[in-house]
Protein backbone atom coordinates (compact mmCIF):
# COMPACT_ATOMS: atom_id res chain seq x y z
CA MET A 1 -15.33 -2.01 -7.88
CA ARG A 2 -18.12 -4.05 -6.53
CA LYS A 3 -16.77 -7.56 -7.66
CA TYR A 4 -13.17 -6.98 -7.30
CA GLY A 5 -12.97 -3.86 -5.01
CA GLY A 6 -11.03 -5.80 -2.23
CA LEU A 7 -8.30 -6.68 -4.60
CA THR A 8 -8.31 -3.57 -6.39
CA ILE A 9 -7.58 -1.49 -3.27
CA THR A 10 -5.21 -3.99 -1.65
CA VAL A 11 -3.26 -3.85 -4.96
CA LEU A 12 -3.38 0.01 -5.35
CA ALA A 13 -2.30 0.44 -1.66
CA PHE A 14 0.69 -1.62 -2.48
CA LEU A 15 1.95 0.18 -5.46
CA PRO A 16 3.43 3.59 -4.80
CA LEU A 17 0.92 5.43 -7.13
CA PRO A 18 -1.52 8.29 -6.46
CA VAL A 19 -4.15 6.34 -8.10
CA PHE A 20 -4.95 4.95 -4.73
CA ASP A 21 -6.92 8.07 -4.13
CA LEU A 22 -9.19 7.32 -6.69
CA ALA A 23 -10.02 3.83 -5.40
CA GLY A 24 -10.67 5.60 -2.26
CA VAL A 25 -13.12 7.89 -3.58
CA ALA A 26 -14.70 5.19 -5.55
CA ALA A 27 -15.13 2.93 -2.60
CA GLY A 28 -16.94 5.53 -0.66
CA ALA A 29 -19.19 6.38 -3.65
CA LEU A 30 -20.15 2.90 -3.88
CA LYS A 31 -20.58 2.62 -0.28
CA MET A 32 -18.15 0.37 0.85
CA PRO A 33 -17.96 -0.42 4.47
CA VAL A 34 -15.29 1.37 6.10
CA HIS A 35 -14.04 -1.43 8.06
CA LYS A 36 -13.74 -3.50 4.82
CA PHE A 37 -11.91 -0.48 3.39
CA LEU A 38 -9.32 -0.23 6.00
CA LEU A 39 -8.75 -3.83 6.18
CA TYR A 40 -8.04 -3.95 2.45
CA CYS A 41 -5.76 -0.81 2.80
CA ALA A 42 -3.83 -2.49 5.61
CA LEU A 43 -3.18 -5.63 3.59
CA GLY A 44 -1.60 -3.49 0.76
CA LYS A 45 0.07 -0.83 3.05
CA ILE A 46 1.79 -2.91 5.85
CA PRO A 47 3.59 -5.18 3.05
CA LYS A 48 4.71 -2.10 1.44
CA MET A 49 6.13 -0.51 4.32
CA ILE A 50 7.77 -3.28 5.37
CA LEU A 51 9.74 -3.60 2.12
CA VAL A 52 10.46 0.11 2.34
CA ALA A 53 11.95 -0.49 5.82
CA TYR A 54 14.14 -3.31 4.67
CA ALA A 55 15.13 -1.51 1.50
CA GLY A 56 16.16 1.54 3.65
CA ALA A 57 18.08 -0.66 6.28
CA TYR A 58 20.16 -2.27 3.57
CA SER A 59 20.76 0.61 1.72
CA VAL A 60 22.48 2.02 4.99
CA ASP A 61 24.47 -0.96 5.36
CA TRP A 62 25.44 -0.86 1.49
CA VAL A 63 26.74 2.58 1.97
CA LEU A 64 28.45 2.25 4.99
CA ARG A 65 30.42 -0.81 3.63
CA PHE A 66 31.69 1.70 0.88
CA VAL A 67 32.41 4.61 3.46
CA HIS A 68 34.80 2.39 5.76
């Protein structure tokens, strides 16, 4: 976690897995600064949520094409 902590948190924040909670616990136990942890979380969560939003928007358009 000390060597690849930022990358690990970013990747686990991007993936839809509950393992991310363990990375948060490990980061806290190893005294990672909160501002770094939140930055790495944002780098993983923001792109994931953008993809989820686009997937939702396109799925609605896809469904509406078949309904009409």
